[in-house]
Amino acid sequence: MLLDAKTSSENHRRFVERVAAAEVVYYLTNKHGTANSTSNDDDEIAVLPFWSDAPYAKRAALSFEDQFQVESISLFDFLYRWLPGMTDDGVLAGVNWNGDLCGDEVDPFELRTEIEGHMSSKLREEYEESYNRMTQEA
């Protein structure tokens, strides 16, 4: 079942709010790597799907042909490692896709900005300090 724009938008909003609050993001992986798909708009663009809740990810895992397990990543790593890498690779982020693997496809930089806008100022400051330490050590 394809999603209408309103449902996709609500799933997107839910993703941003929940990951900002819980500080965890879920994705799917197997022996071949991270689950991915092609963009609905351009077959040349890859999309990595992510979920705000493990049950959402488990439901979507059933739609892939290969068997995938649900994994989690800290919000910090998602914002400061994964999303920048996806931007560099020209990959989009799929957020809270449904069981039919339908939903919003988002530019990683825009998603990072959106999530940071929903984080508390204290948490944003902590993340910025950690990021600065990380980049100084590199």
N, C-alpha and C. Protein backbone atom coordinates (compact mmCIF):
# COMPACT_ATOMS: atom_id res chain seq x y z
N MET A 1 0.83 -1.18 0.00
CA MET A 1 0.00 0.00 0.00
C MET A 1 0.88 1.25 0.00
N LEU A 2 0.71 2.08 -0.97
CA LEU A 2 1.46 3.32 -1.04
C LEU A 2 0.91 4.31 -0.03
N LEU A 3 1.78 5.17 0.46
CA LEU A 3 1.38 6.17 1.44
C LEU A 3 0.97 7.45 0.76
N ASP A 4 -0.04 8.11 1.32
CA ASP A 4 -0.36 9.44 0.83
C ASP A 4 0.62 10.43 1.46
N ALA A 5 0.67 11.61 0.91
CA ALA A 5 1.64 12.62 1.36
C ALA A 5 1.45 12.97 2.83
N LYS A 6 0.23 13.02 3.30
CA LYS A 6 -0.03 13.38 4.70
C LYS A 6 0.53 12.32 5.64
N THR A 7 0.32 11.04 5.32
CA THR A 7 0.82 9.96 6.17
C THR A 7 2.35 9.94 6.16
N SER A 8 2.95 10.12 4.99
CA SER A 8 4.42 10.17 4.91
C SER A 8 4.96 11.33 5.74
N SER A 9 4.30 12.46 5.67
CA SER A 9 4.71 13.63 6.42
C SER A 9 4.60 13.38 7.92
N GLU A 10 3.53 12.73 8.35
CA GLU A 10 3.36 12.40 9.77
C GLU A 10 4.43 11.42 10.23
N ASN A 11 4.74 10.43 9.42
CA ASN A 11 5.80 9.47 9.78
C ASN A 11 7.15 10.18 9.88
N HIS A 12 7.38 11.12 8.98
CA HIS A 12 8.62 11.91 8.99
C HIS A 12 8.70 12.72 10.28
N ARG A 13 7.62 13.43 10.61
CA ARG A 13 7.58 14.23 11.84
C ARG A 13 7.81 13.35 13.05
N ARG A 14 7.16 12.20 13.09
CA ARG A 14 7.31 11.27 14.21
C ARG A 14 8.76 10.81 14.34
N PHE A 15 9.38 10.51 13.22
CA PHE A 15 10.79 10.10 13.23
C PHE A 15 11.65 11.18 13.89
N VAL A 16 11.54 12.40 13.42
CA VAL A 16 12.37 13.50 13.92
C VAL A 16 12.15 13.69 15.42
N GLU A 17 10.91 13.75 15.84
CA GLU A 17 10.61 13.98 17.26
C GLU A 17 11.11 12.84 18.14
N ARG A 18 10.87 11.62 17.71
CA ARG A 18 11.24 10.48 18.56
C ARG A 18 12.74 10.25 18.64
N VAL A 19 13.46 10.39 17.53
CA VAL A 19 14.91 10.18 17.62
C VAL A 19 15.57 11.30 18.41
N ALA A 20 15.04 12.52 18.32
CA ALA A 20 15.59 13.62 19.11
C ALA A 20 15.37 13.39 20.60
N ALA A 21 14.27 12.76 20.95
CA ALA A 21 13.97 12.49 22.35
C ALA A 21 14.69 11.25 22.88
N ALA A 22 14.72 10.19 22.10
CA ALA A 22 15.28 8.92 22.56
C ALA A 22 16.77 8.78 22.31
N GLU A 23 17.31 9.59 21.40
CA GLU A 23 18.73 9.57 21.04
C GLU A 23 19.19 8.24 20.46
N VAL A 24 18.31 7.59 19.74
CA VAL A 24 18.65 6.34 19.07
C VAL A 24 17.91 6.27 17.75
N VAL A 25 18.56 5.66 16.75
CA VAL A 25 18.00 5.46 15.42
C VAL A 25 18.16 3.99 15.07
N TYR A 26 17.16 3.42 14.41
CA TYR A 26 17.19 2.02 14.03
C TYR A 26 17.35 1.87 12.52
N TYR A 27 18.04 0.82 12.14
CA TYR A 27 18.24 0.50 10.73
C TYR A 27 18.32 -1.00 10.59
N LEU A 28 18.41 -1.49 9.37
CA LEU A 28 18.44 -2.92 9.11
C LEU A 28 19.78 -3.31 8.51
N THR A 29 20.26 -4.47 8.90
CA THR A 29 21.52 -4.96 8.38
C THR A 29 21.49 -6.48 8.24
N ASN A 30 22.32 -6.99 7.35
CA ASN A 30 22.53 -8.43 7.24
C ASN A 30 23.99 -8.67 6.86
N LYS A 31 24.33 -9.89 6.48
CA LYS A 31 25.73 -10.21 6.19
C LYS A 31 26.27 -9.42 5.00
N HIS A 32 25.39 -8.85 4.17
CA HIS A 32 25.80 -8.08 3.01
C HIS A 32 25.92 -6.58 3.30
N GLY A 33 25.45 -6.15 4.46
CA GLY A 33 25.53 -4.73 4.81
C GLY A 33 24.20 -4.14 5.23
N THR A 34 24.12 -2.85 5.10
CA THR A 34 22.93 -2.11 5.50
C THR A 34 21.86 -2.17 4.41
N ALA A 35 20.61 -2.33 4.85
CA ALA A 35 19.50 -2.35 3.90
C ALA A 35 19.44 -1.03 3.14
N ASN A 36 19.14 -1.13 1.85
CA ASN A 36 19.00 0.07 1.03
C ASN A 36 18.02 -0.19 -0.08
N SER A 37 17.62 0.88 -0.70
CA SER A 37 16.66 0.82 -1.79
C SER A 37 17.03 1.90 -2.80
N THR A 38 16.32 1.94 -3.89
CA THR A 38 16.51 3.04 -4.83
C THR A 38 15.42 4.07 -4.61
N SER A 39 15.73 5.29 -4.95
CA SER A 39 14.79 6.39 -4.79
C SER A 39 13.59 6.20 -5.71
N ASN A 40 12.44 6.62 -5.23
CA ASN A 40 11.24 6.60 -6.08
C ASN A 40 11.34 7.60 -7.21
N ASP A 41 12.17 8.63 -7.01
CA ASP A 41 12.29 9.70 -8.00
C ASP A 41 13.41 9.50 -9.01
N ASP A 42 14.41 8.69 -8.64
CA ASP A 42 15.57 8.52 -9.51
C ASP A 42 16.24 7.19 -9.21
N ASP A 43 16.20 6.27 -10.15
CA ASP A 43 16.77 4.94 -9.96
C ASP A 43 18.28 4.95 -9.74
N GLU A 44 18.92 6.07 -9.99
CA GLU A 44 20.37 6.19 -9.82
C GLU A 44 20.75 6.58 -8.38
N ILE A 45 19.76 6.94 -7.57
CA ILE A 45 20.03 7.41 -6.21
C ILE A 45 19.61 6.34 -5.21
N ALA A 46 20.53 6.02 -4.30
CA ALA A 46 20.25 5.04 -3.25
C ALA A 46 19.62 5.74 -2.04
N VAL A 47 18.84 4.97 -1.30
CA VAL A 47 18.19 5.45 -0.08
C VAL A 47 18.46 4.44 1.02
N LEU A 48 18.96 4.93 2.15
CA LEU A 48 19.11 4.09 3.34
C LEU A 48 17.93 4.37 4.26
N PRO A 49 17.13 3.37 4.58
CA PRO A 49 15.98 3.60 5.46
C PRO A 49 16.36 3.53 6.94
N PHE A 50 15.70 4.38 7.73
CA PHE A 50 15.91 4.45 9.18
C PHE A 50 14.55 4.58 9.86
N TRP A 51 14.50 4.12 11.12
CA TRP A 51 13.27 4.17 11.88
C TRP A 51 13.52 4.72 13.28
N SER A 52 12.45 5.29 13.83
CA SER A 52 12.53 5.84 15.18
C SER A 52 12.25 4.80 16.24
N ASP A 53 11.69 3.68 15.85
CA ASP A 53 11.29 2.65 16.80
C ASP A 53 11.64 1.28 16.25
N ALA A 54 12.13 0.39 17.10
CA ALA A 54 12.51 -0.95 16.66
C ALA A 54 11.33 -1.72 16.04
N PRO A 55 10.12 -1.66 16.60
CA PRO A 55 9.01 -2.39 15.96
C PRO A 55 8.72 -1.94 14.53
N TYR A 56 8.87 -0.64 14.25
CA TYR A 56 8.68 -0.16 12.88
C TYR A 56 9.71 -0.81 11.96
N ALA A 57 10.95 -0.86 12.43
CA ALA A 57 12.03 -1.45 11.62
C ALA A 57 11.79 -2.94 11.42
N LYS A 58 11.34 -3.64 12.47
CA LYS A 58 11.06 -5.08 12.34
C LYS A 58 9.98 -5.33 11.31
N ARG A 59 8.94 -4.51 11.31
CA ARG A 59 7.85 -4.67 10.35
C ARG A 59 8.37 -4.48 8.92
N ALA A 60 9.20 -3.47 8.72
CA ALA A 60 9.74 -3.21 7.39
C ALA A 60 10.71 -4.30 6.96
N ALA A 61 11.43 -4.89 7.90
CA ALA A 61 12.41 -5.93 7.57
C ALA A 61 11.76 -7.09 6.83
N LEU A 62 10.51 -7.36 7.12
CA LEU A 62 9.79 -8.46 6.47
C LEU A 62 9.57 -8.21 4.99
N SER A 63 9.64 -6.96 4.56
CA SER A 63 9.40 -6.61 3.15
C SER A 63 10.61 -6.80 2.26
N PHE A 64 11.78 -6.87 2.85
CA PHE A 64 12.99 -7.07 2.05
C PHE A 64 13.12 -8.54 1.70
N GLU A 65 13.68 -8.82 0.53
CA GLU A 65 13.85 -10.21 0.11
C GLU A 65 14.87 -10.95 0.98
N ASP A 66 15.94 -10.29 1.36
CA ASP A 66 16.94 -10.90 2.23
C ASP A 66 16.51 -10.75 3.68
N GLN A 67 17.04 -11.60 4.52
CA GLN A 67 16.73 -11.49 5.95
C GLN A 67 17.60 -10.41 6.58
N PHE A 68 16.96 -9.50 7.27
CA PHE A 68 17.65 -8.42 7.94
C PHE A 68 17.35 -8.43 9.43
N GLN A 69 18.32 -7.96 10.20
CA GLN A 69 18.14 -7.79 11.63
C GLN A 69 18.09 -6.29 11.93
N VAL A 70 17.38 -5.96 12.98
CA VAL A 70 17.29 -4.57 13.41
C VAL A 70 18.53 -4.24 14.24
N GLU A 71 19.18 -3.16 13.89
CA GLU A 71 20.32 -2.65 14.64
C GLU A 71 20.00 -1.22 15.07
N SER A 72 20.75 -0.74 16.04
CA SER A 72 20.55 0.65 16.47
C SER A 72 21.88 1.39 16.43
N ILE A 73 21.75 2.68 16.34
CA ILE A 73 22.91 3.56 16.34
C ILE A 73 22.56 4.76 17.21
N SER A 74 23.55 5.29 17.89
CA SER A 74 23.30 6.46 18.72
C SER A 74 22.95 7.65 17.83
N LEU A 75 22.17 8.53 18.36
CA LEU A 75 21.81 9.73 17.59
C LEU A 75 23.05 10.53 17.23
N PHE A 76 24.02 10.60 18.15
CA PHE A 76 25.24 11.34 17.86
C PHE A 76 25.93 10.78 16.62
N ASP A 77 26.12 9.46 16.58
CA ASP A 77 26.78 8.85 15.43
C ASP A 77 25.96 9.04 14.15
N PHE A 78 24.65 8.97 14.28
CA PHE A 78 23.78 9.18 13.13
C PHE A 78 23.96 10.59 12.57
N LEU A 79 23.94 11.58 13.46
CA LEU A 79 24.01 12.98 13.02
C LEU A 79 25.39 13.38 12.51
N TYR A 80 26.44 12.89 13.17
CA TYR A 80 27.79 13.39 12.88
C TYR A 80 28.69 12.43 12.13
N ARG A 81 28.25 11.20 11.93
CA ARG A 81 29.04 10.27 11.15
C ARG A 81 28.26 9.77 9.93
N TRP A 82 27.10 9.18 10.18
CA TRP A 82 26.34 8.59 9.09
C TRP A 82 25.82 9.62 8.11
N LEU A 83 25.09 10.61 8.60
CA LEU A 83 24.47 11.57 7.68
C LEU A 83 25.50 12.34 6.84
N PRO A 84 26.61 12.81 7.44
CA PRO A 84 27.62 13.46 6.58
C PRO A 84 28.19 12.51 5.53
N GLY A 85 28.41 11.25 5.90
CA GLY A 85 28.90 10.27 4.94
C GLY A 85 27.90 10.03 3.82
N MET A 86 26.63 10.01 4.17
CA MET A 86 25.59 9.83 3.16
C MET A 86 25.53 11.03 2.22
N THR A 87 25.73 12.22 2.77
CA THR A 87 25.77 13.42 1.93
C THR A 87 26.92 13.30 0.94
N ASP A 88 28.09 12.92 1.43
CA ASP A 88 29.26 12.76 0.57
C ASP A 88 29.03 11.72 -0.53
N ASP A 89 28.27 10.67 -0.20
CA ASP A 89 28.01 9.59 -1.14
C ASP A 89 26.81 9.83 -2.04
N GLY A 90 26.08 10.92 -1.81
CA GLY A 90 24.89 11.21 -2.61
C GLY A 90 23.72 10.28 -2.33
N VAL A 91 23.64 9.81 -1.08
CA VAL A 91 22.60 8.87 -0.66
C VAL A 91 21.54 9.62 0.15
N LEU A 92 20.29 9.27 -0.03
CA LEU A 92 19.20 9.87 0.73
C LEU A 92 18.85 9.02 1.94
N ALA A 93 18.13 9.61 2.89
CA ALA A 93 17.64 8.89 4.06
C ALA A 93 16.14 8.66 3.92
N GLY A 94 15.71 7.44 4.12
CA GLY A 94 14.29 7.12 4.17
C GLY A 94 13.88 7.10 5.64
N VAL A 95 12.82 7.82 5.99
CA VAL A 95 12.47 7.93 7.41
C VAL A 95 11.12 7.29 7.70
N ASN A 96 11.14 6.39 8.69
CA ASN A 96 9.95 5.68 9.16
C ASN A 96 9.10 5.14 8.02
N TRP A 97 9.77 4.43 7.10
CA TRP A 97 9.03 3.81 6.02
C TRP A 97 8.06 2.77 6.59
N ASN A 98 6.97 2.56 5.89
CA ASN A 98 6.00 1.57 6.35
C ASN A 98 6.45 0.17 5.95
N GLY A 99 5.60 -0.81 6.20
CA GLY A 99 5.92 -2.20 5.89
C GLY A 99 6.06 -2.48 4.41
N ASP A 100 5.53 -1.57 3.57
CA ASP A 100 5.68 -1.71 2.13
C ASP A 100 6.87 -0.93 1.60
N LEU A 101 7.71 -0.44 2.52
CA LEU A 101 8.91 0.33 2.20
C LEU A 101 8.58 1.61 1.45
N CYS A 102 7.53 2.27 1.89
CA CYS A 102 7.12 3.55 1.31
C CYS A 102 7.24 4.64 2.38
N GLY A 103 7.66 5.81 1.95
CA GLY A 103 7.75 6.94 2.85
C GLY A 103 8.63 8.03 2.29
N ASP A 104 8.89 9.02 3.11
CA ASP A 104 9.69 10.16 2.68
C ASP A 104 11.15 9.78 2.45
N GLU A 105 11.73 10.43 1.45
CA GLU A 105 13.16 10.34 1.16
C GLU A 105 13.72 11.73 1.39
N VAL A 106 14.74 11.84 2.25
CA VAL A 106 15.18 13.13 2.74
C VAL A 106 16.68 13.32 2.50
N ASP A 107 17.05 14.55 2.13
CA ASP A 107 18.46 14.90 2.04
C ASP A 107 19.08 14.77 3.44
N PRO A 108 20.20 14.08 3.58
CA PRO A 108 20.79 13.87 4.91
C PRO A 108 21.13 15.16 5.66
N PHE A 109 21.64 16.17 4.97
CA PHE A 109 21.97 17.42 5.64
C PHE A 109 20.71 18.09 6.18
N GLU A 110 19.65 18.09 5.38
CA GLU A 110 18.39 18.68 5.83
C GLU A 110 17.81 17.91 7.01
N LEU A 111 17.94 16.58 7.00
CA LEU A 111 17.45 15.77 8.11
C LEU A 111 18.22 16.08 9.38
N ARG A 112 19.52 16.20 9.27
CA ARG A 112 20.34 16.55 10.44
C ARG A 112 19.89 17.88 11.02
N THR A 113 19.71 18.88 10.19
CA THR A 113 19.28 20.20 10.64
C THR A 113 17.92 20.11 11.32
N GLU A 114 17.03 19.34 10.75
CA GLU A 114 15.69 19.18 11.30
C GLU A 114 15.73 18.52 12.68
N ILE A 115 16.51 17.46 12.81
CA ILE A 115 16.61 16.77 14.11
C ILE A 115 17.24 17.68 15.15
N GLU A 116 18.31 18.36 14.77
CA GLU A 116 18.96 19.28 15.72
C GLU A 116 17.98 20.35 16.20
N GLY A 117 17.08 20.77 15.35
CA GLY A 117 16.07 21.75 15.73
C GLY A 117 15.08 21.24 16.76
N HIS A 118 14.95 19.92 16.88
CA HIS A 118 14.04 19.32 17.85
C HIS A 118 14.75 18.87 19.13
N MET A 119 16.07 18.98 19.16
CA MET A 119 16.82 18.60 20.35
C MET A 119 16.80 19.74 21.36
N SER A 120 16.92 19.38 22.62
CA SER A 120 17.02 20.42 23.64
C SER A 120 18.33 21.18 23.43
N SER A 121 18.36 22.42 23.88
CA SER A 121 19.59 23.21 23.71
C SER A 121 20.74 22.58 24.49
N LYS A 122 20.45 21.97 25.62
CA LYS A 122 21.50 21.30 26.41
C LYS A 122 22.10 20.13 25.63
N LEU A 123 21.24 19.32 25.05
CA LEU A 123 21.73 18.18 24.28
C LEU A 123 22.50 18.64 23.06
N ARG A 124 22.03 19.65 22.37
CA ARG A 124 22.75 20.20 21.20
C ARG A 124 24.15 20.65 21.61
N GLU A 125 24.25 21.33 22.74
CA GLU A 125 25.56 21.80 23.23
C GLU A 125 26.48 20.62 23.53
N GLU A 126 25.94 19.58 24.20
CA GLU A 126 26.74 18.39 24.50
C GLU A 126 27.25 17.74 23.22
N TYR A 127 26.38 17.62 22.23
CA TYR A 127 26.77 17.01 20.97
C TYR A 127 27.82 17.85 20.25
N GLU A 128 27.65 19.17 20.26
CA GLU A 128 28.63 20.04 19.61
C GLU A 128 29.99 19.93 20.28
N GLU A 129 30.01 19.85 21.61
CA GLU A 129 31.28 19.68 22.33
C GLU A 129 31.92 18.34 21.97
N SER A 130 31.12 17.29 21.94
CA SER A 130 31.64 15.97 21.57
C SER A 130 32.15 15.96 20.14
N TYR A 131 31.42 16.61 19.26
CA TYR A 131 31.84 16.68 17.87
C TYR A 131 33.16 17.44 17.73
N ASN A 132 33.29 18.54 18.44
CA ASN A 132 34.54 19.32 18.41
C ASN A 132 35.71 18.49 18.92
N ARG A 133 35.50 17.74 20.00
CA ARG A 133 36.57 16.87 20.52
C ARG A 133 36.92 15.81 19.49
N MET A 134 35.91 15.24 18.87
CA MET A 134 36.12 14.18 17.87
C MET A 134 36.94 14.70 16.68
N THR A 135 36.61 15.89 16.20
CA THR A 135 37.32 16.42 15.04
C THR A 135 38.74 16.86 15.40
N GLN A 136 38.97 17.29 16.63
CA GLN A 136 40.31 17.68 17.05
C GLN A 136 41.21 16.47 17.19
N GLU A 137 40.64 15.33 17.57
CA GLU A 137 41.42 14.10 17.75
C GLU A 137 41.76 13.45 16.41
N ALA A 138 40.99 13.76 15.39
CA ALA A 138 41.18 13.11 14.08
C ALA A 138 42.38 13.65 13.34
